[in-house]
Amino acid sequence: MSRGPDAGARLERGLLAHAASAGCAMTIVDATWVRWASATFAGARHTLWLQAATSAALDRWLADVPEAEIALRDHLLADLVVTDIVQTDGVARITVEALTVEA
């Protein structure tokens, strides 16, 4: 029996919805995640590669994304950081890293 989408899929959906609510049409070019654990927590480290048209709305979203409240069923979004932005010919290619923790 399937438990539904994993934390990576939930993060992708939440990030796209958050961007859309800010007026940014965005696509996920690629995404990966690896399991992560400390002495008290378990979760995953995620890297997502996004693409969007450059715009003032995108600039605002990029500035605000580290403070984004993205709900993930059965997980907490512990950290969300934009690590790279390359803008060429009106297209932004964005790298985002995140840490999710099992709730």
N, C-alpha and C. Protein backbone atom coordinates (compact mmCIF):
# COMPACT_ATOMS: atom_id res chain seq x y z
N MET A 1 0.84 -1.18 0.00
CA MET A 1 0.00 0.00 0.00
C MET A 1 0.89 1.25 0.00
N SER A 2 0.61 2.16 -0.89
CA SER A 2 1.41 3.37 -1.02
C SER A 2 0.99 4.41 0.00
N ARG A 3 1.96 5.12 0.53
CA ARG A 3 1.68 6.20 1.49
C ARG A 3 1.57 7.54 0.79
N GLY A 4 1.64 7.55 -0.53
CA GLY A 4 1.55 8.81 -1.26
C GLY A 4 2.91 9.35 -1.60
N PRO A 5 2.96 10.58 -2.06
CA PRO A 5 4.23 11.17 -2.49
C PRO A 5 5.22 11.30 -1.33
N ASP A 6 6.50 11.18 -1.66
CA ASP A 6 7.54 11.35 -0.64
C ASP A 6 7.80 12.83 -0.39
N ALA A 7 8.69 13.12 0.53
CA ALA A 7 8.98 14.51 0.90
C ALA A 7 9.51 15.31 -0.28
N GLY A 8 10.26 14.68 -1.16
CA GLY A 8 10.79 15.37 -2.33
C GLY A 8 9.68 15.84 -3.26
N ALA A 9 8.72 14.96 -3.54
CA ALA A 9 7.59 15.33 -4.40
C ALA A 9 6.73 16.40 -3.74
N ARG A 10 6.53 16.28 -2.44
CA ARG A 10 5.75 17.29 -1.72
C ARG A 10 6.45 18.65 -1.74
N LEU A 11 7.77 18.64 -1.57
CA LEU A 11 8.54 19.88 -1.61
C LEU A 11 8.44 20.51 -3.00
N GLU A 12 8.58 19.71 -4.04
CA GLU A 12 8.48 20.23 -5.41
C GLU A 12 7.12 20.90 -5.63
N ARG A 13 6.05 20.21 -5.26
CA ARG A 13 4.70 20.76 -5.44
C ARG A 13 4.52 22.04 -4.62
N GLY A 14 4.98 22.01 -3.39
CA GLY A 14 4.85 23.19 -2.53
C GLY A 14 5.62 24.38 -3.03
N LEU A 15 6.82 24.14 -3.54
CA LEU A 15 7.65 25.21 -4.06
C LEU A 15 7.02 25.83 -5.31
N LEU A 16 6.51 24.98 -6.21
CA LEU A 16 5.85 25.49 -7.41
C LEU A 16 4.59 26.29 -7.06
N ALA A 17 3.82 25.80 -6.10
CA ALA A 17 2.61 26.52 -5.68
C ALA A 17 2.97 27.86 -5.04
N HIS A 18 4.03 27.88 -4.23
CA HIS A 18 4.47 29.11 -3.59
C HIS A 18 4.91 30.12 -4.64
N ALA A 19 5.65 29.66 -5.65
CA ALA A 19 6.09 30.56 -6.73
C ALA A 19 4.89 31.07 -7.52
N ALA A 20 3.93 30.20 -7.81
CA ALA A 20 2.74 30.61 -8.57
C ALA A 20 1.95 31.66 -7.81
N SER A 21 1.86 31.50 -6.49
CA SER A 21 1.11 32.48 -5.68
C SER A 21 1.81 33.85 -5.68
N ALA A 22 3.10 33.86 -6.00
CA ALA A 22 3.86 35.11 -6.09
C ALA A 22 3.90 35.64 -7.52
N GLY A 23 3.20 34.96 -8.43
CA GLY A 23 3.14 35.42 -9.81
C GLY A 23 4.28 34.94 -10.68
N CYS A 24 4.93 33.85 -10.27
CA CYS A 24 6.07 33.32 -11.02
C CYS A 24 5.72 31.94 -11.60
N ALA A 25 5.67 31.87 -12.91
CA ALA A 25 5.51 30.57 -13.56
C ALA A 25 6.90 29.94 -13.61
N MET A 26 7.00 28.75 -13.05
CA MET A 26 8.30 28.13 -12.88
C MET A 26 8.21 26.65 -13.23
N THR A 27 9.28 26.08 -13.71
CA THR A 27 9.33 24.64 -13.94
C THR A 27 10.52 24.06 -13.18
N ILE A 28 10.38 22.80 -12.82
CA ILE A 28 11.48 22.08 -12.19
C ILE A 28 12.20 21.32 -13.30
N VAL A 29 13.45 21.65 -13.50
CA VAL A 29 14.26 21.02 -14.53
C VAL A 29 14.76 19.67 -14.03
N ASP A 30 15.16 19.62 -12.77
CA ASP A 30 15.66 18.38 -12.17
C ASP A 30 15.60 18.52 -10.66
N ALA A 31 15.60 17.40 -9.98
CA ALA A 31 15.58 17.42 -8.52
C ALA A 31 16.19 16.11 -8.01
N THR A 32 16.84 16.22 -6.87
CA THR A 32 17.42 15.04 -6.25
C THR A 32 17.36 15.21 -4.74
N TRP A 33 17.42 14.12 -4.03
CA TRP A 33 17.48 14.19 -2.57
C TRP A 33 18.21 12.97 -2.04
N VAL A 34 18.79 13.15 -0.85
CA VAL A 34 19.47 12.06 -0.15
C VAL A 34 18.99 12.04 1.30
N ARG A 35 18.89 10.85 1.85
CA ARG A 35 18.48 10.72 3.25
C ARG A 35 19.52 11.40 4.14
N TRP A 36 19.04 11.92 5.25
CA TRP A 36 19.89 12.63 6.19
C TRP A 36 19.40 12.29 7.60
N ALA A 37 20.30 12.18 8.54
CA ALA A 37 19.90 11.93 9.92
C ALA A 37 20.95 12.51 10.87
N SER A 38 20.45 12.96 12.02
CA SER A 38 21.33 13.37 13.11
C SER A 38 21.00 12.45 14.28
N ALA A 39 21.52 12.74 15.43
CA ALA A 39 21.23 11.90 16.60
C ALA A 39 19.75 11.97 17.00
N THR A 40 19.07 13.06 16.66
CA THR A 40 17.68 13.22 17.09
C THR A 40 16.67 13.37 15.96
N PHE A 41 17.12 13.62 14.72
CA PHE A 41 16.20 13.86 13.62
C PHE A 41 16.55 13.02 12.41
N ALA A 42 15.56 12.75 11.57
CA ALA A 42 15.76 12.08 10.28
C ALA A 42 15.02 12.88 9.23
N GLY A 43 15.56 12.86 8.03
CA GLY A 43 14.91 13.60 6.96
C GLY A 43 15.69 13.46 5.68
N ALA A 44 15.73 14.53 4.89
CA ALA A 44 16.42 14.47 3.60
C ALA A 44 16.97 15.85 3.23
N ARG A 45 18.07 15.82 2.49
CA ARG A 45 18.64 17.03 1.88
C ARG A 45 18.24 17.01 0.41
N HIS A 46 17.69 18.12 -0.05
CA HIS A 46 17.16 18.22 -1.41
C HIS A 46 17.92 19.27 -2.20
N THR A 47 18.11 19.00 -3.48
CA THR A 47 18.61 20.01 -4.42
C THR A 47 17.64 20.03 -5.59
N LEU A 48 17.16 21.24 -5.93
CA LEU A 48 16.23 21.41 -7.04
C LEU A 48 16.81 22.43 -8.01
N TRP A 49 16.67 22.14 -9.30
CA TRP A 49 17.09 23.05 -10.34
C TRP A 49 15.82 23.55 -11.02
N LEU A 50 15.59 24.86 -10.97
CA LEU A 50 14.37 25.48 -11.46
C LEU A 50 14.68 26.39 -12.63
N GLN A 51 13.63 26.68 -13.40
CA GLN A 51 13.78 27.61 -14.51
C GLN A 51 12.53 28.49 -14.57
N ALA A 52 12.73 29.78 -14.81
CA ALA A 52 11.62 30.74 -14.90
C ALA A 52 12.05 31.92 -15.75
N ALA A 53 11.06 32.61 -16.29
CA ALA A 53 11.34 33.85 -17.01
C ALA A 53 11.74 34.91 -15.99
N THR A 54 12.73 35.71 -16.35
CA THR A 54 13.14 36.78 -15.45
C THR A 54 12.01 37.83 -15.37
N SER A 55 11.81 38.35 -14.18
CA SER A 55 10.76 39.36 -13.96
C SER A 55 10.95 39.96 -12.57
N ALA A 56 10.26 41.06 -12.33
CA ALA A 56 10.29 41.67 -11.00
C ALA A 56 9.65 40.74 -9.98
N ALA A 57 8.60 40.01 -10.39
CA ALA A 57 7.95 39.05 -9.48
C ALA A 57 8.92 37.95 -9.09
N LEU A 58 9.71 37.47 -10.03
CA LEU A 58 10.70 36.44 -9.73
C LEU A 58 11.75 36.99 -8.76
N ASP A 59 12.21 38.19 -8.99
CA ASP A 59 13.20 38.79 -8.08
C ASP A 59 12.66 38.88 -6.66
N ARG A 60 11.39 39.28 -6.51
CA ARG A 60 10.78 39.34 -5.17
C ARG A 60 10.67 37.95 -4.56
N TRP A 61 10.26 36.98 -5.37
CA TRP A 61 10.11 35.61 -4.87
C TRP A 61 11.47 35.07 -4.41
N LEU A 62 12.50 35.29 -5.19
CA LEU A 62 13.83 34.81 -4.82
C LEU A 62 14.31 35.43 -3.52
N ALA A 63 13.99 36.70 -3.31
CA ALA A 63 14.39 37.37 -2.07
C ALA A 63 13.63 36.82 -0.87
N ASP A 64 12.37 36.42 -1.09
CA ASP A 64 11.52 35.95 0.00
C ASP A 64 11.57 34.45 0.26
N VAL A 65 12.04 33.66 -0.69
CA VAL A 65 11.94 32.21 -0.58
C VAL A 65 12.63 31.62 0.65
N PRO A 66 13.74 32.15 1.16
CA PRO A 66 14.32 31.54 2.36
C PRO A 66 13.38 31.57 3.58
N GLU A 67 12.44 32.49 3.60
CA GLU A 67 11.48 32.58 4.71
C GLU A 67 10.15 31.93 4.37
N ALA A 68 10.07 31.22 3.25
CA ALA A 68 8.80 30.64 2.79
C ALA A 68 8.24 29.64 3.78
N GLU A 69 6.95 29.70 3.97
CA GLU A 69 6.22 28.72 4.78
C GLU A 69 5.58 27.74 3.81
N ILE A 70 6.17 26.58 3.66
CA ILE A 70 5.65 25.55 2.76
C ILE A 70 5.30 24.33 3.59
N ALA A 71 4.01 24.02 3.63
CA ALA A 71 3.53 22.90 4.42
C ALA A 71 3.82 21.59 3.68
N LEU A 72 4.39 20.64 4.39
CA LEU A 72 4.69 19.32 3.84
C LEU A 72 4.13 18.27 4.79
N ARG A 73 3.14 17.51 4.33
CA ARG A 73 2.53 16.51 5.20
C ARG A 73 3.60 15.53 5.71
N ASP A 74 3.59 15.31 7.00
CA ASP A 74 4.51 14.38 7.69
C ASP A 74 5.97 14.85 7.73
N HIS A 75 6.24 16.08 7.28
CA HIS A 75 7.60 16.61 7.30
C HIS A 75 7.57 18.09 7.64
N LEU A 76 8.70 18.58 8.09
CA LEU A 76 8.89 20.01 8.33
C LEU A 76 9.98 20.50 7.39
N LEU A 77 9.78 21.68 6.83
CA LEU A 77 10.81 22.29 6.01
C LEU A 77 11.72 23.07 6.96
N ALA A 78 12.90 22.52 7.22
CA ALA A 78 13.81 23.11 8.21
C ALA A 78 14.70 24.19 7.62
N ASP A 79 15.00 24.10 6.32
CA ASP A 79 15.89 25.08 5.70
C ASP A 79 15.60 25.12 4.21
N LEU A 80 15.65 26.31 3.64
CA LEU A 80 15.42 26.51 2.21
C LEU A 80 16.30 27.67 1.76
N VAL A 81 17.24 27.40 0.84
CA VAL A 81 18.22 28.39 0.43
C VAL A 81 18.37 28.38 -1.09
N VAL A 82 18.38 29.57 -1.68
CA VAL A 82 18.75 29.72 -3.09
C VAL A 82 20.27 29.77 -3.14
N THR A 83 20.88 28.80 -3.82
CA THR A 83 22.34 28.73 -3.83
C THR A 83 22.97 29.25 -5.12
N ASP A 84 22.16 29.35 -6.20
CA ASP A 84 22.73 29.85 -7.44
C ASP A 84 21.61 30.38 -8.34
N ILE A 85 21.90 31.47 -9.04
CA ILE A 85 20.98 32.05 -10.02
C ILE A 85 21.82 32.46 -11.21
N VAL A 86 21.46 31.94 -12.38
CA VAL A 86 22.12 32.33 -13.63
C VAL A 86 21.03 32.86 -14.55
N GLN A 87 21.15 34.13 -14.96
CA GLN A 87 20.17 34.74 -15.84
C GLN A 87 20.79 34.98 -17.20
N THR A 88 20.16 34.39 -18.23
CA THR A 88 20.63 34.51 -19.60
C THR A 88 19.43 34.63 -20.54
N ASP A 89 19.44 35.65 -21.38
CA ASP A 89 18.41 35.81 -22.41
C ASP A 89 16.99 35.74 -21.85
N GLY A 90 16.76 36.39 -20.71
CA GLY A 90 15.42 36.44 -20.14
C GLY A 90 14.98 35.20 -19.39
N VAL A 91 15.89 34.26 -19.19
CA VAL A 91 15.57 33.02 -18.46
C VAL A 91 16.49 32.91 -17.25
N ALA A 92 15.90 32.61 -16.10
CA ALA A 92 16.67 32.40 -14.88
C ALA A 92 16.74 30.90 -14.60
N ARG A 93 17.94 30.44 -14.34
CA ARG A 93 18.15 29.05 -13.92
C ARG A 93 18.59 29.13 -12.46
N ILE A 94 17.81 28.48 -11.61
CA ILE A 94 17.93 28.67 -10.16
C ILE A 94 18.22 27.33 -9.50
N THR A 95 19.15 27.33 -8.57
CA THR A 95 19.41 26.14 -7.76
C THR A 95 18.95 26.43 -6.34
N VAL A 96 18.16 25.51 -5.80
CA VAL A 96 17.62 25.65 -4.45
C VAL A 96 18.02 24.41 -3.66
N GLU A 97 18.45 24.61 -2.42
CA GLU A 97 18.75 23.49 -1.53
C GLU A 97 17.83 23.58 -0.33
N ALA A 98 17.37 22.42 0.13
CA ALA A 98 16.42 22.39 1.25
C ALA A 98 16.75 21.22 2.16
N LEU A 99 16.30 21.34 3.38
CA LEU A 99 16.39 20.26 4.36
C LEU A 99 15.00 20.01 4.90
N THR A 100 14.51 18.78 4.77
CA THR A 100 13.23 18.40 5.35
C THR A 100 13.49 17.43 6.49
N VAL A 101 12.64 17.52 7.50
CA VAL A 101 12.76 16.68 8.69
C VAL A 101 11.44 15.95 8.89
N GLU A 102 11.52 14.67 9.16
CA GLU A 102 10.30 13.90 9.42
C GLU A 102 9.65 14.37 10.69
N ALA A 103 8.34 14.60 10.62
CA ALA A 103 7.59 15.08 11.79
C ALA A 103 7.13 13.93 12.65
